[in-house]
Amino acid sequence: NGITSWIKGWKRNGWITKTKQEVLNRDLWEKLDELASAREV
């Protein structure tokens, strides 16, 4: 859910959730997004 859906909103909103909290594990989500974007997953 995070990599296919939620992350789009997180990036659009500056890594802030709908409840105005900082996204947990942002460092790992950014790394996963970087790797996934360079591959067809």
All heavy atoms as atom14 arrays in JSON, in Angstrom:
{
  "sequence": "NGITSWIKGWKRNGWITKTKQEVLNRDLWEKLDELASAREV",
  "atom14_mask": [
    [1, 1, 1, 1, 1, 1, 1, 1, 0, 0, 0, 0, 0, 0],
    [1, 1, 1, 1, 0, 0, 0, 0, 0, 0, 0, 0, 0, 0],
    [1, 1, 1, 1, 1, 1, 1, 1, 0, 0, 0, 0, 0, 0],
    [1, 1, 1, 1, 1, 1, 1, 0, 0, 0, 0, 0, 0, 0],
    [1, 1, 1, 1, 1, 1, 0, 0, 0, 0, 0, 0, 0, 0],
    [1, 1, 1, 1, 1, 1, 1, 1, 1, 1, 1, 1, 1, 1],
    [1, 1, 1, 1, 1, 1, 1, 1, 0, 0, 0, 0, 0, 0],
    [1, 1, 1, 1, 1, 1, 1, 1, 1, 0, 0, 0, 0, 0],
    [1, 1, 1, 1, 0, 0, 0, 0, 0, 0, 0, 0, 0, 0],
    [1, 1, 1, 1, 1, 1, 1, 1, 1, 1, 1, 1, 1, 1],
    [1, 1, 1, 1, 1, 1, 1, 1, 1, 0, 0, 0, 0, 0],
    [1, 1, 1, 1, 1, 1, 1, 1, 1, 1, 1, 0, 0, 0],
    [1, 1, 1, 1, 1, 1, 1, 1, 0, 0, 0, 0, 0, 0],
    [1, 1, 1, 1, 0, 0, 0, 0, 0, 0, 0, 0, 0, 0],
    [1, 1, 1, 1, 1, 1, 1, 1, 1, 1, 1, 1, 1, 1],
    [1, 1, 1, 1, 1, 1, 1, 1, 0, 0, 0, 0, 0, 0],
    [1, 1, 1, 1, 1, 1, 1, 0, 0, 0, 0, 0, 0, 0],
    [1, 1, 1, 1, 1, 1, 1, 1, 1, 0, 0, 0, 0, 0],
    [1, 1, 1, 1, 1, 1, 1, 0, 0, 0, 0, 0, 0, 0],
    [1, 1, 1, 1, 1, 1, 1, 1, 1, 0, 0, 0, 0, 0],
    [1, 1, 1, 1, 1, 1, 1, 1, 1, 0, 0, 0, 0, 0],
    [1, 1, 1, 1, 1, 1, 1, 1, 1, 0, 0, 0, 0, 0],
    [1, 1, 1, 1, 1, 1, 1, 0, 0, 0, 0, 0, 0, 0],
    [1, 1, 1, 1, 1, 1, 1, 1, 0, 0, 0, 0, 0, 0],
    [1, 1, 1, 1, 1, 1, 1, 1, 0, 0, 0, 0, 0, 0],
    [1, 1, 1, 1, 1, 1, 1, 1, 1, 1, 1, 0, 0, 0],
    [1, 1, 1, 1, 1, 1, 1, 1, 0, 0, 0, 0, 0, 0],
    [1, 1, 1, 1, 1, 1, 1, 1, 0, 0, 0, 0, 0, 0],
    [1, 1, 1, 1, 1, 1, 1, 1, 1, 1, 1, 1, 1, 1],
    [1, 1, 1, 1, 1, 1, 1, 1, 1, 0, 0, 0, 0, 0],
    [1, 1, 1, 1, 1, 1, 1, 1, 1, 0, 0, 0, 0, 0],
    [1, 1, 1, 1, 1, 1, 1, 1, 0, 0, 0, 0, 0, 0],
    [1, 1, 1, 1, 1, 1, 1, 1, 0, 0, 0, 0, 0, 0],
    [1, 1, 1, 1, 1, 1, 1, 1, 1, 0, 0, 0, 0, 0],
    [1, 1, 1, 1, 1, 1, 1, 1, 0, 0, 0, 0, 0, 0],
    [1, 1, 1, 1, 1, 0, 0, 0, 0, 0, 0, 0, 0, 0],
    [1, 1, 1, 1, 1, 1, 0, 0, 0, 0, 0, 0, 0, 0],
    [1, 1, 1, 1, 1, 0, 0, 0, 0, 0, 0, 0, 0, 0],
    [1, 1, 1, 1, 1, 1, 1, 1, 1, 1, 1, 0, 0, 0],
    [1, 1, 1, 1, 1, 1, 1, 1, 1, 0, 0, 0, 0, 0],
    [1, 1, 1, 1, 1, 1, 1, 0, 0, 0, 0, 0, 0, 0]
  ],
  "atom14_positions": [
    [[0.82, -1.21, 0.0], [0.0, 0.0, 0.0], [0.85, 1.26, 0.0], [0.56, 2.24, -0.69], [-0.93, 0.01, 1.22], [-2.02, -1.02, 1.13], [-2.42, -1.43, 0.05], [-2.54, -1.46, 2.27], [0.0, 0.0, 0.0], [0.0, 0.0, 0.0], [0.0, 0.0, 0.0], [0.0, 0.0, 0.0], [0.0, 0.0, 0.0], [0.0, 0.0, 0.0]],
    [[1.93, 1.22, 0.78], [2.79, 2.39, 0.87], [3.46, 2.74, -0.44], [3.42, 3.89, -0.88], [0.0, 0.0, 0.0], [0.0, 0.0, 0.0], [0.0, 0.0, 0.0], [0.0, 0.0, 0.0], [0.0, 0.0, 0.0], [0.0, 0.0, 0.0], [0.0, 0.0, 0.0], [0.0, 0.0, 0.0], [0.0, 0.0, 0.0], [0.0, 0.0, 0.0]],
    [[4.07, 1.75, -1.1], [4.86, 2.04, -2.3], [4.0, 2.24, -3.55], [4.39, 2.93, -4.48], [5.91, 0.92, -2.56], [7.02, 1.41, -3.49], [5.26, -0.35, -3.07], [7.85, 2.54, -2.96], [0.0, 0.0, 0.0], [0.0, 0.0, 0.0], [0.0, 0.0, 0.0], [0.0, 0.0, 0.0], [0.0, 0.0, 0.0], [0.0, 0.0, 0.0]],
    [[2.79, 1.65, -3.57], [1.95, 1.78, -4.76], [0.9, 2.88, -4.64], [0.33, 3.29, -5.64], [1.23, 0.46, -5.09], [0.34, 0.13, -4.01], [2.22, -0.67, -5.31], [0.0, 0.0, 0.0], [0.0, 0.0, 0.0], [0.0, 0.0, 0.0], [0.0, 0.0, 0.0], [0.0, 0.0, 0.0], [0.0, 0.0, 0.0], [0.0, 0.0, 0.0]],
    [[0.63, 3.34, -3.43], [-0.46, 4.3, -3.25], [-0.1, 5.47, -2.33], [-0.03, 6.61, -2.75], [-1.7, 3.58, -2.71], [-2.76, 4.48, -2.48], [0.0, 0.0, 0.0], [0.0, 0.0, 0.0], [0.0, 0.0, 0.0], [0.0, 0.0, 0.0], [0.0, 0.0, 0.0], [0.0, 0.0, 0.0], [0.0, 0.0, 0.0], [0.0, 0.0, 0.0]],
    [[0.15, 5.18, -1.06], [0.34, 6.25, -0.07], [1.48, 7.18, -0.41], [1.4, 8.38, -0.17], [0.58, 5.65, 1.31], [-0.48, 4.73, 1.8], [-1.78, 4.68, 1.38], [-0.34, 3.73, 2.8], [-2.47, 3.7, 2.07], [-1.62, 3.1, 2.95], [0.71, 3.29, 3.61], [-1.83, 2.07, 3.86], [0.5, 2.27, 4.52], [-0.77, 1.67, 4.63]],
    [[2.57, 6.64, -0.98], [3.78, 7.44, -1.19], [3.54, 8.61, -2.14], [4.19, 9.65, -2.04], [4.94, 6.55, -1.7], [6.28, 7.26, -1.48], [4.74, 6.13, -3.16], [7.49, 6.35, -1.67], [0.0, 0.0, 0.0], [0.0, 0.0, 0.0], [0.0, 0.0, 0.0], [0.0, 0.0, 0.0], [0.0, 0.0, 0.0], [0.0, 0.0, 0.0]],
    [[2.58, 8.46, -3.04], [2.29, 9.56, -3.98], [1.81, 10.79, -3.22], [2.25, 11.91, -3.47], [1.23, 9.1, -4.99], [1.69, 7.94, -5.86], [0.53, 7.36, -6.66], [0.96, 6.09, -7.39], [-0.18, 5.42, -8.06], [0.0, 0.0, 0.0], [0.0, 0.0, 0.0], [0.0, 0.0, 0.0], [0.0, 0.0, 0.0], [0.0, 0.0, 0.0]],
    [[0.9, 10.57, -2.27], [0.41, 11.68, -1.47], [1.47, 12.22, -0.53], [1.56, 13.43, -0.3], [0.0, 0.0, 0.0], [0.0, 0.0, 0.0], [0.0, 0.0, 0.0], [0.0, 0.0, 0.0], [0.0, 0.0, 0.0], [0.0, 0.0, 0.0], [0.0, 0.0, 0.0], [0.0, 0.0, 0.0], [0.0, 0.0, 0.0], [0.0, 0.0, 0.0]],
    [[2.27, 11.32, 0.04], [3.34, 11.76, 0.95], [4.29, 12.71, 0.24], [4.65, 13.76, 0.78], [4.12, 10.56, 1.47], [3.36, 9.65, 2.38], [2.23, 9.96, 3.1], [3.67, 8.28, 2.69], [1.83, 8.87, 3.83], [2.68, 7.83, 3.6], [4.68, 7.41, 2.29], [2.69, 6.53, 4.12], [4.69, 6.13, 2.8], [3.71, 5.69, 3.7]],
    [[4.73, 12.34, -0.95], [5.68, 13.18, -1.67], [5.03, 14.5, -2.08], [5.65, 15.57, -2.0], [6.22, 12.44, -2.91], [7.11, 11.27, -2.53], [7.93, 10.77, -3.71], [7.11, 10.08, -4.76], [7.95, 9.5, -5.83], [0.0, 0.0, 0.0], [0.0, 0.0, 0.0], [0.0, 0.0, 0.0], [0.0, 0.0, 0.0], [0.0, 0.0, 0.0]],
    [[3.78, 14.42, -2.5], [3.06, 15.63, -2.91], [2.9, 16.61, -1.74], [2.93, 17.83, -1.92], [1.7, 15.23, -3.47], [0.92, 16.36, -4.13], [-0.28, 15.84, -4.9], [-1.17, 15.04, -4.07], [-1.39, 13.74, -4.23], [-0.76, 13.08, -5.19], [-2.23, 13.07, -3.45], [0.0, 0.0, 0.0], [0.0, 0.0, 0.0], [0.0, 0.0, 0.0]],
    [[2.74, 16.05, -0.53], [2.5, 16.88, 0.65], [3.74, 17.11, 1.51], [3.63, 17.48, 2.68], [1.41, 16.24, 1.52], [0.08, 16.14, 0.79], [-0.28, 17.03, 0.02], [-0.65, 15.07, 1.03], [0.0, 0.0, 0.0], [0.0, 0.0, 0.0], [0.0, 0.0, 0.0], [0.0, 0.0, 0.0], [0.0, 0.0, 0.0], [0.0, 0.0, 0.0]],
    [[4.93, 16.9, 0.9], [6.16, 17.15, 1.65], [6.4, 16.16, 2.77], [6.93, 16.51, 3.82], [0.0, 0.0, 0.0], [0.0, 0.0, 0.0], [0.0, 0.0, 0.0], [0.0, 0.0, 0.0], [0.0, 0.0, 0.0], [0.0, 0.0, 0.0], [0.0, 0.0, 0.0], [0.0, 0.0, 0.0], [0.0, 0.0, 0.0], [0.0, 0.0, 0.0]],
    [[6.0, 14.9, 2.56], [6.18, 13.82, 3.53], [5.42, 14.08, 4.83], [5.89, 13.79, 5.92], [7.67, 13.54, 3.78], [8.32, 12.95, 2.57], [8.96, 13.63, 1.58], [8.32, 11.57, 2.18], [9.38, 12.77, 0.6], [9.01, 11.49, 0.94], [7.83, 10.39, 2.76], [9.21, 10.29, 0.28], [8.03, 9.19, 2.1], [8.71, 9.15, 0.87]],
    [[4.22, 14.63, 4.66], [3.3, 14.84, 5.77], [2.04, 14.02, 5.48], [1.53, 14.05, 4.36], [2.94, 16.32, 5.94], [4.21, 17.14, 6.25], [1.91, 16.51, 7.05], [4.9, 16.79, 7.55], [0.0, 0.0, 0.0], [0.0, 0.0, 0.0], [0.0, 0.0, 0.0], [0.0, 0.0, 0.0], [0.0, 0.0, 0.0], [0.0, 0.0, 0.0]],
    [[1.54, 13.31, 6.48], [0.35, 12.48, 6.29], [-0.91, 13.33, 6.28], [-0.88, 14.54, 6.56], [0.22, 11.43, 7.4], [-0.08, 12.11, 8.63], [1.52, 10.65, 7.57], [0.0, 0.0, 0.0], [0.0, 0.0, 0.0], [0.0, 0.0, 0.0], [0.0, 0.0, 0.0], [0.0, 0.0, 0.0], [0.0, 0.0, 0.0], [0.0, 0.0, 0.0]],
    [[-2.04, 12.69, 6.0], [-3.32, 13.39, 5.99], [-3.67, 13.95, 7.37], [-4.44, 14.9, 7.48], [-4.44, 12.44, 5.54], [-4.33, 12.02, 4.08], [-5.4, 11.01, 3.73], [-5.27, 10.54, 2.29], [-6.26, 9.48, 1.95], [0.0, 0.0, 0.0], [0.0, 0.0, 0.0], [0.0, 0.0, 0.0], [0.0, 0.0, 0.0], [0.0, 0.0, 0.0]],
    [[-3.11, 13.34, 8.4], [-3.38, 13.81, 9.76], [-2.3, 14.8, 10.25], [-2.16, 15.04, 11.44], [-3.47, 12.63, 10.74], [-2.28, 11.84, 10.66], [-4.67, 11.76, 10.41], [0.0, 0.0, 0.0], [0.0, 0.0, 0.0], [0.0, 0.0, 0.0], [0.0, 0.0, 0.0], [0.0, 0.0, 0.0], [0.0, 0.0, 0.0], [0.0, 0.0, 0.0]],
    [[-1.52, 15.32, 9.26], [-0.52, 16.36, 9.54], [0.64, 15.88, 10.41], [1.24, 16.65, 11.15], [-1.17, 17.59, 10.2], [-2.4, 18.13, 9.47], [-2.1, 18.49, 8.03], [-3.35, 19.0, 7.3], [-3.1, 19.19, 5.85], [0.0, 0.0, 0.0], [0.0, 0.0, 0.0], [0.0, 0.0, 0.0], [0.0, 0.0, 0.0], [0.0, 0.0, 0.0]],
    [[0.95, 14.59, 10.31], [2.09, 14.03, 11.01], [3.2, 13.71, 10.0], [2.95, 13.47, 8.83], [1.69, 12.73, 11.72], [0.52, 12.86, 12.68], [0.84, 13.71, 13.88], [1.92, 13.59, 14.46], [-0.07, 14.58, 14.27], [0.0, 0.0, 0.0], [0.0, 0.0, 0.0], [0.0, 0.0, 0.0], [0.0, 0.0, 0.0], [0.0, 0.0, 0.0]],
    [[4.45, 13.74, 10.49], [5.56, 13.35, 9.62], [5.46, 11.85, 9.33], [5.13, 11.06, 10.21], [6.9, 13.66, 10.29], [7.19, 15.15, 10.4], [8.6, 15.42, 10.94], [9.37, 14.44, 11.1], [8.91, 16.58, 11.18], [0.0, 0.0, 0.0], [0.0, 0.0, 0.0], [0.0, 0.0, 0.0], [0.0, 0.0, 0.0], [0.0, 0.0, 0.0]],
    [[5.74, 11.48, 8.09], [5.69, 10.07, 7.7], [6.78, 9.29, 8.43], [7.96, 9.68, 8.42], [5.86, 9.92, 6.17], [5.99, 8.44, 5.78], [4.71, 10.57, 5.43], [0.0, 0.0, 0.0], [0.0, 0.0, 0.0], [0.0, 0.0, 0.0], [0.0, 0.0, 0.0], [0.0, 0.0, 0.0], [0.0, 0.0, 0.0], [0.0, 0.0, 0.0]],
    [[6.37, 8.21, 9.09], [7.34, 7.37, 9.77], [8.2, 6.6, 8.76], [7.72, 6.22, 7.69], [6.62, 6.37, 10.68], [5.84, 6.96, 11.86], [5.11, 5.84, 12.61], [6.75, 7.72, 12.8], [0.0, 0.0, 0.0], [0.0, 0.0, 0.0], [0.0, 0.0, 0.0], [0.0, 0.0, 0.0], [0.0, 0.0, 0.0], [0.0, 0.0, 0.0]],
    [[9.45, 6.4, 9.08], [10.38, 5.62, 8.25], [10.62, 6.27, 6.89], [10.86, 5.58, 5.89], [9.87, 4.18, 8.06], [9.57, 3.51, 9.38], [10.37, 3.58, 10.31], [8.41, 2.86, 9.48], [0.0, 0.0, 0.0], [0.0, 0.0, 0.0], [0.0, 0.0, 0.0], [0.0, 0.0, 0.0], [0.0, 0.0, 0.0], [0.0, 0.0, 0.0]],
    [[10.57, 7.6, 6.86], [10.75, 8.32, 5.58], [12.05, 7.92, 4.89], [12.08, 7.76, 3.67], [10.72, 9.82, 5.83], [11.05, 10.64, 4.59], [11.01, 12.13, 4.83], [11.49, 12.87, 3.68], [11.51, 14.2, 3.61], [11.06, 14.93, 4.62], [11.98, 14.8, 2.53], [0.0, 0.0, 0.0], [0.0, 0.0, 0.0], [0.0, 0.0, 0.0]],
    [[13.15, 7.77, 5.66], [14.44, 7.43, 5.07], [14.37, 6.14, 4.26], [14.9, 6.05, 3.14], [15.52, 7.34, 6.14], [15.19, 6.33, 7.25], [13.99, 6.13, 7.55], [16.14, 5.73, 7.79], [0.0, 0.0, 0.0], [0.0, 0.0, 0.0], [0.0, 0.0, 0.0], [0.0, 0.0, 0.0], [0.0, 0.0, 0.0], [0.0, 0.0, 0.0]],
    [[13.67, 5.15, 4.82], [13.57, 3.87, 4.13], [12.59, 3.93, 2.97], [12.82, 3.31, 1.92], [13.16, 2.77, 5.11], [14.14, 2.52, 6.26], [13.64, 1.4, 7.16], [15.53, 2.16, 5.72], [0.0, 0.0, 0.0], [0.0, 0.0, 0.0], [0.0, 0.0, 0.0], [0.0, 0.0, 0.0], [0.0, 0.0, 0.0], [0.0, 0.0, 0.0]],
    [[11.5, 4.67, 3.12], [10.55, 4.82, 2.01], [11.22, 5.51, 0.83], [11.0, 5.12, -0.33], [9.33, 5.62, 2.45], [8.33, 4.85, 3.23], [7.94, 5.05, 4.52], [7.55, 3.73, 2.77], [6.99, 4.14, 4.9], [6.73, 3.31, 3.85], [7.48, 3.04, 1.57], [5.85, 2.25, 3.75], [6.61, 1.96, 1.47], [5.8, 1.57, 2.55]],
    [[12.05, 6.51, 1.09], [12.74, 7.21, 0.0], [13.72, 6.29, -0.71], [13.83, 6.32, -1.95], [13.46, 8.45, 0.54], [12.52, 9.57, 0.93], [13.23, 10.83, 1.37], [14.19, 10.74, 2.15], [12.81, 11.92, 0.95], [0.0, 0.0, 0.0], [0.0, 0.0, 0.0], [0.0, 0.0, 0.0], [0.0, 0.0, 0.0], [0.0, 0.0, 0.0]],
    [[14.42, 5.45, 0.06], [15.36, 4.51, -0.55], [14.62, 3.46, -1.38], [15.03, 3.14, -2.5], [16.18, 3.82, 0.54], [17.22, 2.83, 0.02], [18.25, 3.52, -0.86], [19.32, 2.54, -1.34], [20.29, 3.2, -2.27], [0.0, 0.0, 0.0], [0.0, 0.0, 0.0], [0.0, 0.0, 0.0], [0.0, 0.0, 0.0], [0.0, 0.0, 0.0]],
    [[13.52, 2.95, -0.84], [12.73, 1.96, -1.57], [12.16, 2.56, -2.85], [12.18, 1.92, -3.91], [11.6, 1.43, -0.69], [10.73, 0.33, -1.29], [11.57, -0.91, -1.61], [9.59, -0.04, -0.34], [0.0, 0.0, 0.0], [0.0, 0.0, 0.0], [0.0, 0.0, 0.0], [0.0, 0.0, 0.0], [0.0, 0.0, 0.0], [0.0, 0.0, 0.0]],
    [[11.69, 3.79, -2.78], [11.13, 4.47, -3.94], [12.21, 4.67, -5.01], [11.96, 4.47, -6.21], [10.56, 5.82, -3.51], [9.86, 6.55, -4.64], [9.09, 5.91, -5.4], [10.08, 7.77, -4.78], [0.0, 0.0, 0.0], [0.0, 0.0, 0.0], [0.0, 0.0, 0.0], [0.0, 0.0, 0.0], [0.0, 0.0, 0.0], [0.0, 0.0, 0.0]],
    [[13.4, 5.03, -4.58], [14.52, 5.23, -5.51], [14.84, 3.93, -6.25], [15.01, 3.92, -7.48], [15.74, 5.71, -4.73], [17.0, 5.85, -5.57], [18.24, 6.11, -4.71], [18.1, 6.55, -3.55], [19.35, 5.84, -5.2], [0.0, 0.0, 0.0], [0.0, 0.0, 0.0], [0.0, 0.0, 0.0], [0.0, 0.0, 0.0], [0.0, 0.0, 0.0]],
    [[14.91, 2.84, -5.51], [15.24, 1.54, -6.11], [14.12, 1.07, -7.04], [14.38, 0.58, -8.15], [15.47, 0.5, -5.02], [16.75, 0.66, -4.19], [16.68, -0.19, -2.93], [17.97, 0.29, -5.02], [0.0, 0.0, 0.0], [0.0, 0.0, 0.0], [0.0, 0.0, 0.0], [0.0, 0.0, 0.0], [0.0, 0.0, 0.0], [0.0, 0.0, 0.0]],
    [[12.87, 1.2, -6.6], [11.73, 0.74, -7.39], [11.59, 1.55, -8.67], [11.22, 1.02, -9.73], [10.45, 0.83, -6.57], [0.0, 0.0, 0.0], [0.0, 0.0, 0.0], [0.0, 0.0, 0.0], [0.0, 0.0, 0.0], [0.0, 0.0, 0.0], [0.0, 0.0, 0.0], [0.0, 0.0, 0.0], [0.0, 0.0, 0.0], [0.0, 0.0, 0.0]],
    [[11.91, 2.84, -8.6], [11.78, 3.71, -9.78], [12.79, 3.36, -10.86], [12.59, 3.68, -12.04], [11.97, 5.18, -9.37], [10.95, 5.58, -8.47], [0.0, 0.0, 0.0], [0.0, 0.0, 0.0], [0.0, 0.0, 0.0], [0.0, 0.0, 0.0], [0.0, 0.0, 0.0], [0.0, 0.0, 0.0], [0.0, 0.0, 0.0], [0.0, 0.0, 0.0]],
    [[13.88, 2.7, -10.48], [14.93, 2.33, -11.44], [14.72, 0.92, -11.98], [15.57, 0.39, -12.7], [16.3, 2.43, -10.79], [0.0, 0.0, 0.0], [0.0, 0.0, 0.0], [0.0, 0.0, 0.0], [0.0, 0.0, 0.0], [0.0, 0.0, 0.0], [0.0, 0.0, 0.0], [0.0, 0.0, 0.0], [0.0, 0.0, 0.0], [0.0, 0.0, 0.0]],
    [[13.59, 0.3, -11.62], [13.29, -1.06, -12.06], [11.82, -1.16, -12.43], [11.02, -0.3, -12.05], [13.61, -2.07, -10.94], [15.08, -2.18, -10.62], [15.34, -2.66, -9.22], [16.77, -2.77, -8.94], [17.55, -1.72, -8.67], [17.05, -0.5, -8.64], [18.85, -1.9, -8.44], [0.0, 0.0, 0.0], [0.0, 0.0, 0.0], [0.0, 0.0, 0.0]],
    [[11.45, -2.2, -13.12], [10.03, -2.47, -13.38], [9.59, -3.5, -12.35], [9.88, -4.69, -12.48], [9.84, -3.01, -14.81], [8.38, -3.19, -15.16], [8.2, -3.69, -16.6], [9.12, -3.48, -17.41], [7.14, -4.29, -16.87], [0.0, 0.0, 0.0], [0.0, 0.0, 0.0], [0.0, 0.0, 0.0], [0.0, 0.0, 0.0], [0.0, 0.0, 0.0]],
    [[8.93, -3.03, -11.3], [8.6, -3.91, -10.17], [7.11, -4.23, -10.14], [6.27, -3.34, -10.22], [8.99, -3.25, -8.83], [8.72, -4.24, -7.67], [10.45, -2.83, -8.83], [0.0, 0.0, 0.0], [0.0, 0.0, 0.0], [0.0, 0.0, 0.0], [0.0, 0.0, 0.0], [0.0, 0.0, 0.0], [0.0, 0.0, 0.0], [0.0, 0.0, 0.0]]
  ]
}
